[in-house]
Structure formats: C-alpha cells, structure tokens
Amino acid sequence: MGAAIGYGTKAELVSAFTMTLNGDAITVSNDVWKQMKPQVPLEGGKPVHPIKADALKPVLEKYKSEGKPFNMGMTFPVGTHNLKLRYWLAAGGINPGFYEPPADTSGNINAEAMLSVTPPPQMPATMDSGTIVGYCVGEPWNQQAVFKGIGVPVISDYELMKNSSEKIFVVSKEFADKYPNTHVAVVKALIRASMWLDAEGNKNRNEGVEMLSQKQYVGADYNVIANSMNGTFEYEKGDKRDLPDFNVFFRYNGSYPYYSDAVWFLTQMRRWGMINEEKPDSWYMDIAKKVYRPDVYMTAAKALIAEGKAKASDFPAEGESGFKPASSDFIDGIAYDSNKPNDYLKQFAIGLKGKQKVSGGKIVE
C-alpha cells in the first residue's frame, strides 16, 4: 500500500492473495517487563491478557525523567509491524510520533516512544545489546527472545486486533497484465499451500515447521518456530497458553484479499502522517481497488473447485463485496467500518484526522 501511494517508492503493484492473518507480537526486554508487571493485573499468579500499553506508561515516564530515549524496533515505516506497534502504544495513551514527508520521515515528531527500523532476525540481539528495549515483529523472533531468556512477548496481534491481515503476496501490475494465466496459477498454488497449513486442525504444521527451519528459508531452530505454529504461544518463560488462531492461513477466508484490509492500512498511514493531507472516503476505496484483486483470487478458487481440489464452501460466496462487516475487535474497542474511513479516524484521541496535517514539525489544521 505504501508503494501505491508513493511513500518512499512509487510502484504499480497488485495483490490477489493474503498470506496470513495474525502472526505478530510485541516483545519487551526483561528489564522493561519487570517495570511493567506491577501495573498488570494477575489471575492465579499469572498476568491477565491482553496487556495494554497503559502498563508501559510509568516506564516511559521513568525513562523521560532520566533523560533516556525509549527506543523500539519495527521492520518498515509502511509495514504492518510499525502500524500495529503504533496502534498498541496509542491505545494506551502513548504517542508513537508522526511523519512529515518528505521533510521528516523519521516518524518521531512529538514521539514519546522512538520507533526505528530494525531487520527482524537482528531484533533479539539488538534488544539484548540495549539499543532497543522492545519491538513488534512476526514469528519466530518473539519466541526467540523467550528461548534466549532476553525478553517477554506482552501481546499478540490476535489480541490487539483479532484476525487482522498480515503479509500479502504482491506482483507488479505489469506482470499481472502480461501473464494473467501465470498469475492465476501462482495464486492457485498459494491457496493450496494455505489450505494444507490449516487442514484438519493444523495437522500439517509440524511438517511446515521442518521446511521453514531449513537454512535456505527462515533458518531458526525448529522448536522456536513450532512454539507459535501449533496453537500455543509463550509469553513469560513457562507461561505457554492456548492461542489456536495465532497463525491463520486459510480459515475464516483468511487468504481472500479484502478491500477493507487495504483501507485499514491506509487509515493508519493517514493517522500518522505518511498521508499528510485529508482524503475523501472515495480515495481510500479507489486505492484499495487498484491494488487488491479479489477477482484474480476467485478465478484461481473456481479453477481449484473445477479440479476437485477445493469446495465452493471453502471460499467467499458469489457476490462478495470485499468489505468485511464493521468490527470493534480491537484492544481499544473502537469500531472500524471500512466504508467510512474518515469517521473512523475521528474516533482516535491520538492521530491526524479531518484537515489536520504535520507542517514544520507541528500538527496544524
């Protein structure tokens, strides 16, 4: 979506496949967790989840009084990890900062927590060194912090925003236009892989983990990857809980490219200034429909049905609009209606809305 709006690099891209729902978490260092924990309610001696960023506020205030920056890592400014980390922080009353492109692309204007790009495989080591004190990323890098004993995942994105889309499969528009049959064939293969991963209560996940743990792929230890792929998730060391939908690849129409997912990402880019001017609701719809291609997905799905490799009931019904019903399955309870992106933005206490923009390092009307 960032490329579609020209943030950083302008490119004409299309996506006909959502690779996963959920799959991310936010991890903090042992020291930060030690300071957070007194603010977290306990039940049976264990922290009550989900853990809100409210528990982090006293820690930030302590850092500020000591003149120390509170640095956290994310993977890319317009990536899901940055937007989800910002959502969690802001829901707890912590300002994650604003962008003012092209003058200031740090994202740290007015920030109480300083977010910066850190490559995922380097996040645990970077946190262990003290350069950052927490991060938001996909697996296996949260579980790796647990295994290494250097940090604690405090919230999964399933708890933050239930069944939110994560990675998407993208090709250039030029490729999609020039090789439509190849594009459909690739999407067919991806659908079959996603079905396989979610089949019969995730029975194939261990075999999938074996593949992912190979050096030419993720390369992390089998046990680290398996820790979140088999329906459980470990927070503090030894505090392993059932989280059957931490990784969803196909069920709940998880691989279908919903326009509403694209609109949500665009609203968050607007919220933090990457889109630094007011846009009408129609603009969000137009960009979403320009990038997301459910028509290609359904062409691939129908081919699989015709080949006997899937059932019609496995996929959205004919006439699917591509817009999910309004939902308040977010940690702050704010309802998201993708048909009204500007009304959605008005609900947030922290973030740009209406005619607001960032100019000269300040929010102006």
Protein backbone atom coordinates (compact mmCIF):
# COMPACT_ATOMS: atom_id res chain seq x y z
CA MET A 1 0.00 0.00 0.00
CA GLY A 2 2.92 2.30 0.68
CA ALA A 3 4.19 1.89 -2.87
CA ALA A 4 0.69 2.51 -4.23
CA ILE A 5 0.51 5.94 -2.57
CA GLY A 6 4.13 6.74 -3.42
CA TYR A 7 5.52 6.71 0.11
CA GLY A 8 9.24 6.15 -0.35
CA THR A 9 8.96 4.43 -3.73
CA LYS A 10 6.11 4.72 -6.21
CA ALA A 11 5.18 1.46 -7.92
CA GLU A 12 2.14 -0.09 -9.55
CA LEU A 13 1.57 -3.31 -7.65
CA VAL A 14 -1.37 -5.69 -7.25
CA SER A 15 -2.22 -8.32 -4.66
CA ALA A 16 -4.60 -11.22 -5.18
CA PHE A 17 -3.67 -13.20 -2.07
CA THR A 18 -3.39 -12.55 1.68
CA MET A 19 -0.70 -14.80 3.09
CA THR A 20 -1.72 -14.84 6.74
CA LEU A 21 -3.93 -13.43 9.45
CA ASN A 22 -2.29 -12.54 12.77
CA GLY A 23 1.19 -13.96 13.42
CA ASP A 24 2.82 -10.91 15.06
CA ALA A 25 3.57 -9.93 18.64
CA ILE A 26 5.12 -7.11 20.66
CA THR A 27 8.09 -8.05 22.84
CA VAL A 28 9.85 -6.00 25.53
CA SER A 29 13.15 -6.57 27.32
CA ASN A 30 13.26 -8.33 30.67
CA ASP A 31 14.03 -5.04 32.42
CA VAL A 32 11.08 -3.23 30.83
CA TRP A 33 8.79 -6.17 31.62
CA LYS A 34 9.94 -6.12 35.24
CA GLN A 35 8.87 -2.47 35.43
CA MET A 36 5.59 -3.08 33.56
CA LYS A 37 4.47 -6.09 35.56
CA PRO A 38 3.36 -4.22 38.74
CA GLN A 39 0.74 -2.42 36.59
CA VAL A 40 -0.58 -5.67 35.08
CA PRO A 41 -3.45 -7.44 36.89
CA LEU A 42 -2.81 -11.06 37.87
CA GLU A 43 -5.09 -14.06 37.97
CA GLY A 44 -3.85 -17.26 39.53
CA GLY A 45 -0.43 -15.67 39.80
CA LYS A 46 -0.20 -15.06 36.04
CA PRO A 47 -0.67 -11.83 34.06
CA VAL A 48 -4.13 -11.21 32.65
CA HIS A 49 -4.05 -10.88 28.86
CA PRO A 50 -4.36 -8.87 26.72
CA ILE A 51 -1.83 -6.49 28.23
CA LYS A 52 -2.46 -2.88 27.32
CA ALA A 53 0.20 -0.24 26.77
CA ASP A 54 -1.19 1.61 29.79
CA ALA A 55 1.13 -0.63 31.81
CA LEU A 56 4.07 0.79 29.89
CA LYS A 57 3.36 4.48 30.62
CA PRO A 58 5.11 4.60 34.03
CA VAL A 59 8.18 3.01 32.43
CA LEU A 60 8.28 5.70 29.75
CA GLU A 61 7.90 8.40 32.39
CA LYS A 62 10.87 6.93 34.27
CA TYR A 63 12.97 6.90 31.11
CA LYS A 64 11.99 10.51 30.43
CA SER A 65 12.89 11.64 33.95
CA GLU A 66 16.29 10.01 33.50
CA GLY A 67 16.77 11.70 30.12
CA LYS A 68 16.87 8.41 28.24
CA PRO A 69 15.06 7.71 24.95
CA PHE A 70 12.65 4.77 24.88
CA ASN A 71 13.66 3.03 21.65
CA MET A 72 11.62 0.29 19.98
CA GLY A 73 12.13 -1.58 16.73
CA MET A 74 9.83 -2.27 13.79
CA THR A 75 10.52 -3.58 10.31
CA PHE A 76 9.47 -0.84 7.86
CA PRO A 77 7.61 2.50 8.10
CA VAL A 78 4.62 1.41 5.99
CA GLY A 79 4.79 -2.20 7.17
CA THR A 80 2.25 -3.92 9.37
CA HIS A 81 4.59 -4.14 12.36
CA ASN A 82 5.05 -0.39 12.57
CA LEU A 83 1.32 0.25 12.24
CA LYS A 84 0.39 -2.39 14.81
CA LEU A 85 3.00 -1.23 17.30
CA ARG A 86 1.74 2.34 16.89
CA TYR A 87 -1.83 1.17 17.40
CA TRP A 88 -0.97 -0.60 20.66
CA LEU A 89 1.03 2.33 22.03
CA ALA A 90 -1.60 4.94 21.11
CA ALA A 91 -4.40 2.80 22.58
CA GLY A 92 -2.52 3.08 25.87
CA GLY A 93 -2.17 6.85 25.60
CA ILE A 94 1.43 6.81 24.34
CA ASN A 95 2.22 8.97 21.30
CA PRO A 96 4.35 6.95 18.83
CA GLY A 97 5.15 10.04 16.73
CA PHE A 98 4.27 11.48 13.34
CA TYR A 99 5.77 11.64 9.86
CA GLU A 100 6.07 14.74 7.71
CA PRO A 101 7.12 13.53 4.26
CA PRO A 102 9.31 14.37 2.52
CA ALA A 103 10.88 16.71 5.10
CA ASP A 104 10.88 14.28 8.03
CA THR A 105 10.50 10.54 7.51
CA SER A 106 11.74 9.54 10.97
CA GLY A 107 8.21 9.16 12.33
CA ASN A 108 9.43 10.60 15.62
CA ILE A 109 7.76 14.04 15.61
CA ASN A 110 6.15 14.51 19.06
CA ALA A 111 7.02 10.89 19.89
CA GLU A 112 7.04 9.55 23.44
CA ALA A 113 8.40 6.20 22.21
CA MET A 114 11.02 6.33 19.47
CA LEU A 115 10.41 3.76 16.74
CA SER A 116 13.08 2.82 14.21
CA VAL A 117 13.69 0.18 11.54
CA THR A 118 15.44 -3.00 12.68
CA PRO A 119 15.74 -6.12 10.48
CA PRO A 120 13.67 -8.95 12.03
CA PRO A 121 16.48 -11.51 12.52
CA GLN A 122 18.53 -8.84 14.31
CA MET A 123 15.79 -7.74 16.70
CA PRO A 124 16.57 -10.11 19.61
CA ALA A 125 20.30 -9.31 19.52
CA THR A 126 19.65 -5.58 19.11
CA MET A 127 17.38 -5.66 22.15
CA ASP A 128 19.86 -7.74 24.11
CA SER A 129 22.53 -5.11 23.40
CA GLY A 130 20.29 -2.36 24.82
CA THR A 131 19.99 -0.43 21.54
CA ILE A 132 16.22 -1.03 21.61
CA VAL A 133 14.06 -2.09 24.55
CA GLY A 134 11.26 -3.74 22.60
CA TYR A 135 9.92 -4.49 19.15
CA CYS A 136 6.98 -5.61 17.05
CA VAL A 137 7.61 -8.39 14.55
CA GLY A 138 6.33 -11.68 13.21
CA GLU A 139 7.49 -15.07 14.35
CA PRO A 140 9.85 -16.63 15.18
CA TRP A 141 11.61 -13.55 16.57
CA ASN A 142 9.30 -13.04 19.56
CA GLN A 143 9.62 -16.65 20.64
CA GLN A 144 13.36 -16.45 20.10
CA ALA A 145 13.50 -13.76 22.81
CA VAL A 146 11.76 -16.20 25.15
CA PHE A 147 14.09 -19.08 24.27
CA LYS A 148 17.16 -16.86 24.73
CA GLY A 149 15.79 -15.53 28.02
CA ILE A 150 16.19 -11.88 26.98
CA GLY A 151 12.61 -10.66 26.64
CA VAL A 152 8.88 -11.22 27.07
CA PRO A 153 6.18 -11.00 24.39
CA VAL A 154 3.45 -8.93 26.06
CA ILE A 155 0.71 -9.10 23.42
CA SER A 156 -0.01 -10.93 20.18
CA ASP A 157 -1.67 -9.10 17.32
CA TYR A 158 -4.58 -11.57 17.60
CA GLU A 159 -5.28 -9.96 20.99
CA LEU A 160 -4.55 -6.49 19.63
CA MET A 161 -6.85 -6.70 16.59
CA LYS A 162 -8.47 -10.07 16.05
CA ASN A 163 -7.79 -11.76 12.70
CA SER A 164 -6.07 -8.78 11.08
CA SER A 165 -4.31 -9.39 7.79
CA GLU A 166 -0.53 -9.51 7.89
CA LYS A 167 1.63 -10.28 4.85
CA ILE A 168 0.23 -10.15 1.32
CA PHE A 169 1.56 -11.64 -1.91
CA VAL A 170 2.31 -8.90 -4.45
CA VAL A 171 3.28 -8.78 -8.12
CA SER A 172 3.81 -5.82 -10.39
CA LYS A 173 0.78 -4.69 -12.37
CA GLU A 174 2.87 -5.13 -15.49
CA PHE A 175 3.43 -8.83 -14.66
CA ALA A 176 -0.25 -9.38 -13.81
CA ASP A 177 -1.36 -7.78 -17.09
CA LYS A 178 1.24 -9.53 -19.24
CA TYR A 179 0.96 -13.01 -17.69
CA PRO A 180 -2.61 -13.37 -16.34
CA ASN A 181 -2.61 -17.17 -16.57
CA THR A 182 0.69 -17.45 -14.71
CA HIS A 183 -0.58 -15.07 -12.06
CA VAL A 184 -3.69 -17.22 -11.52
CA ALA A 185 -1.56 -20.38 -11.43
CA VAL A 186 0.66 -18.91 -8.69
CA VAL A 187 -2.37 -17.87 -6.65
CA LYS A 188 -3.81 -21.39 -7.06
CA ALA A 189 -0.59 -22.83 -5.62
CA LEU A 190 -0.65 -20.36 -2.73
CA ILE A 191 -4.28 -21.19 -1.93
CA ARG A 192 -3.46 -24.91 -1.87
CA ALA A 193 -0.50 -24.27 0.44
CA SER A 194 -2.63 -22.19 2.80
CA MET A 195 -5.34 -24.88 2.84
CA TRP A 196 -2.71 -27.51 3.64
CA LEU A 197 -1.34 -25.50 6.57
CA ASP A 198 -4.78 -25.10 8.17
CA ALA A 199 -6.16 -28.55 7.27
CA GLU A 200 -7.67 -30.86 9.89
CA GLY A 201 -6.77 -28.90 12.99
CA ASN A 202 -3.35 -27.82 11.73
CA LYS A 203 -2.14 -31.42 11.41
CA ASN A 204 0.46 -30.44 8.79
CA ARG A 205 2.04 -27.63 10.78
CA ASN A 206 4.99 -29.68 12.11
CA GLU A 207 5.95 -30.66 8.57
CA GLY A 208 5.67 -27.00 7.60
CA VAL A 209 7.91 -26.04 10.51
CA GLU A 210 10.50 -28.56 9.36
CA MET A 211 10.59 -26.83 5.98
CA LEU A 212 10.77 -23.33 7.46
CA SER A 213 13.60 -24.23 9.84
CA GLN A 214 15.92 -25.09 6.93
CA LYS A 215 18.76 -22.64 6.39
CA GLN A 216 17.59 -21.59 2.92
CA TYR A 217 14.28 -20.39 4.42
CA VAL A 218 13.83 -18.87 7.91
CA GLY A 219 16.72 -20.82 9.39
CA ALA A 220 15.57 -20.54 13.01
CA ASP A 221 15.50 -23.57 15.31
CA TYR A 222 12.61 -25.97 14.78
CA ASN A 223 11.42 -25.60 18.39
CA VAL A 224 11.40 -21.81 18.21
CA ILE A 225 9.21 -21.79 15.08
CA ALA A 226 6.98 -24.60 16.37
CA ASN A 227 6.31 -22.68 19.59
CA SER A 228 3.78 -20.45 17.83
CA MET A 229 2.73 -22.62 14.88
CA ASN A 230 0.91 -25.32 16.81
CA GLY A 231 -1.86 -23.45 18.59
CA THR A 232 0.05 -22.15 21.60
CA PHE A 233 2.06 -19.03 22.40
CA GLU A 234 4.62 -18.49 25.15
CA TYR A 235 4.75 -15.14 26.94
CA GLU A 236 6.97 -15.22 30.03
CA LYS A 237 9.21 -18.28 30.07
CA GLY A 238 6.97 -21.19 31.02
CA ASP A 239 3.74 -19.22 30.57
CA LYS A 240 2.55 -21.05 27.47
CA ARG A 241 -1.12 -20.51 26.62
CA ASP A 242 -3.57 -21.77 24.04
CA LEU A 243 -3.76 -19.38 21.11
CA PRO A 244 -5.14 -21.55 18.29
CA ASP A 245 -5.53 -18.68 15.84
CA PHE A 246 -2.16 -17.04 16.35
CA ASN A 247 -1.34 -18.14 12.80
CA VAL A 248 -4.23 -18.41 10.33
CA PHE A 249 -3.53 -19.16 6.69
CA PHE A 250 -6.86 -20.16 5.16
CA ARG A 251 -9.77 -20.49 7.59
CA TYR A 252 -12.09 -17.52 8.10
CA ASN A 253 -11.45 -16.71 4.41
CA GLY A 254 -8.01 -15.68 5.61
CA SER A 255 -6.35 -15.76 2.20
CA TYR A 256 -9.01 -13.66 0.43
CA PRO A 257 -7.80 -10.12 -0.41
CA TYR A 258 -10.43 -7.97 1.29
CA TYR A 259 -10.59 -4.31 0.25
CA SER A 260 -11.42 -3.49 3.86
CA ASP A 261 -7.97 -4.70 4.96
CA ALA A 262 -6.33 -2.35 2.46
CA VAL A 263 -8.48 0.56 3.65
CA TRP A 264 -7.48 -0.08 7.27
CA PHE A 265 -3.78 0.13 6.43
CA LEU A 266 -4.40 3.37 4.54
CA THR A 267 -6.26 4.87 7.52
CA GLN A 268 -3.26 4.18 9.74
CA MET A 269 -0.89 5.76 7.23
CA ARG A 270 -3.13 8.81 7.27
CA ARG A 271 -3.31 8.73 11.07
CA TRP A 272 0.47 9.02 11.45
CA GLY A 273 1.15 11.48 8.65
CA MET A 274 2.52 9.24 5.92
CA ILE A 275 -0.53 10.51 4.05
CA ASN A 276 -0.18 14.12 5.14
CA GLU A 277 -3.41 15.61 3.83
CA GLU A 278 -7.11 14.90 4.11
CA LYS A 279 -8.52 12.45 1.57
CA PRO A 280 -12.20 11.74 0.81
CA ASP A 281 -13.60 8.30 1.63
CA SER A 282 -13.74 7.54 -2.09
CA TRP A 283 -9.95 7.91 -2.34
CA TYR A 284 -9.42 5.07 0.15
CA MET A 285 -11.78 2.85 -1.82
CA ASP A 286 -10.12 3.70 -5.13
CA ILE A 287 -6.62 2.87 -3.88
CA ALA A 288 -7.81 -0.38 -2.29
CA LYS A 289 -9.49 -1.50 -5.50
CA LYS A 290 -6.47 -0.50 -7.54
CA VAL A 291 -4.16 -2.76 -5.52
CA TYR A 292 -6.28 -5.64 -4.25
CA ARG A 293 -7.58 -8.12 -6.86
CA PRO A 294 -10.21 -10.47 -5.41
CA ASP A 295 -11.30 -11.21 -8.99
CA VAL A 296 -7.98 -12.96 -9.65
CA TYR A 297 -8.29 -14.83 -6.34
CA MET A 298 -11.78 -16.09 -7.22
CA THR A 299 -10.65 -17.14 -10.71
CA ALA A 300 -7.99 -19.29 -9.03
CA ALA A 301 -10.50 -20.59 -6.48
CA LYS A 302 -13.01 -21.60 -9.16
CA ALA A 303 -10.28 -23.46 -11.04
CA LEU A 304 -9.43 -25.42 -7.89
CA ILE A 305 -13.11 -26.25 -7.39
CA ALA A 306 -13.39 -27.44 -11.00
CA GLU A 307 -10.31 -29.64 -10.50
CA GLY A 308 -11.81 -31.19 -7.37
CA LYS A 309 -9.08 -29.75 -5.13
CA ALA A 310 -11.42 -27.48 -3.15
CA LYS A 311 -15.10 -26.97 -2.43
CA ALA A 312 -17.20 -23.91 -3.19
CA SER A 313 -17.92 -23.61 0.53
CA ASP A 314 -14.21 -23.10 1.17
CA PHE A 315 -14.41 -19.62 -0.35
CA PRO A 316 -16.49 -16.44 -0.06
CA ALA A 317 -19.86 -16.62 -1.77
CA GLU A 318 -20.57 -15.20 -5.19
CA GLY A 319 -21.30 -11.52 -4.88
CA GLU A 320 -18.83 -10.96 -2.04
CA SER A 321 -18.32 -7.19 -1.77
CA GLY A 322 -14.76 -7.39 -0.47
CA PHE A 323 -15.68 -5.31 2.57
CA LYS A 324 -15.91 -7.05 5.94
CA PRO A 325 -18.69 -6.03 8.35
CA ALA A 326 -17.86 -3.27 10.83
CA SER A 327 -15.97 -4.64 13.83
CA SER A 328 -14.78 -3.45 17.23
CA ASP A 329 -12.43 -6.42 17.79
CA PHE A 330 -9.58 -4.05 18.67
CA ILE A 331 -7.86 -3.61 22.02
CA ASP A 332 -9.36 -0.12 22.42
CA GLY A 333 -12.86 -1.21 21.38
CA ILE A 334 -13.02 1.40 18.61
CA ALA A 335 -15.30 0.22 15.80
CA TYR A 336 -13.85 0.06 12.30
CA ASP A 337 -16.22 0.50 9.36
CA SER A 338 -14.21 0.37 6.16
CA ASN A 339 -16.94 2.23 4.29
CA LYS A 340 -16.35 5.31 6.47
CA PRO A 341 -12.58 5.74 6.88
CA ASN A 342 -12.72 9.42 7.84
CA ASP A 343 -15.35 8.82 10.52
CA TYR A 344 -13.14 6.00 11.81
CA LEU A 345 -10.13 8.30 12.12
CA LYS A 346 -12.15 10.87 14.07
CA GLN A 347 -12.57 8.37 16.92
CA PHE A 348 -8.87 8.32 17.87
CA ALA A 349 -7.59 10.60 20.63
CA ILE A 350 -4.06 10.41 19.18
CA GLY A 351 -3.56 10.78 15.43
CA LEU A 352 -4.36 13.03 12.47
CA LYS A 353 -7.97 13.50 11.44
CA GLY A 354 -10.01 15.81 9.24
CA LYS A 355 -7.94 18.61 7.75
CA GLN A 356 -5.03 18.16 10.16
CA LYS A 357 -1.54 17.76 8.79
CA VAL A 358 2.02 17.89 10.01
CA SER A 359 3.87 21.05 9.00
CA GLY A 360 7.16 22.33 10.36
CA GLY A 361 7.19 19.59 12.96
CA LYS A 362 3.78 20.59 14.33
CA ILE A 363 0.20 19.40 13.84
CA VAL A 364 -1.81 22.15 12.18
CA GLU A 365 -5.40 22.42 10.96
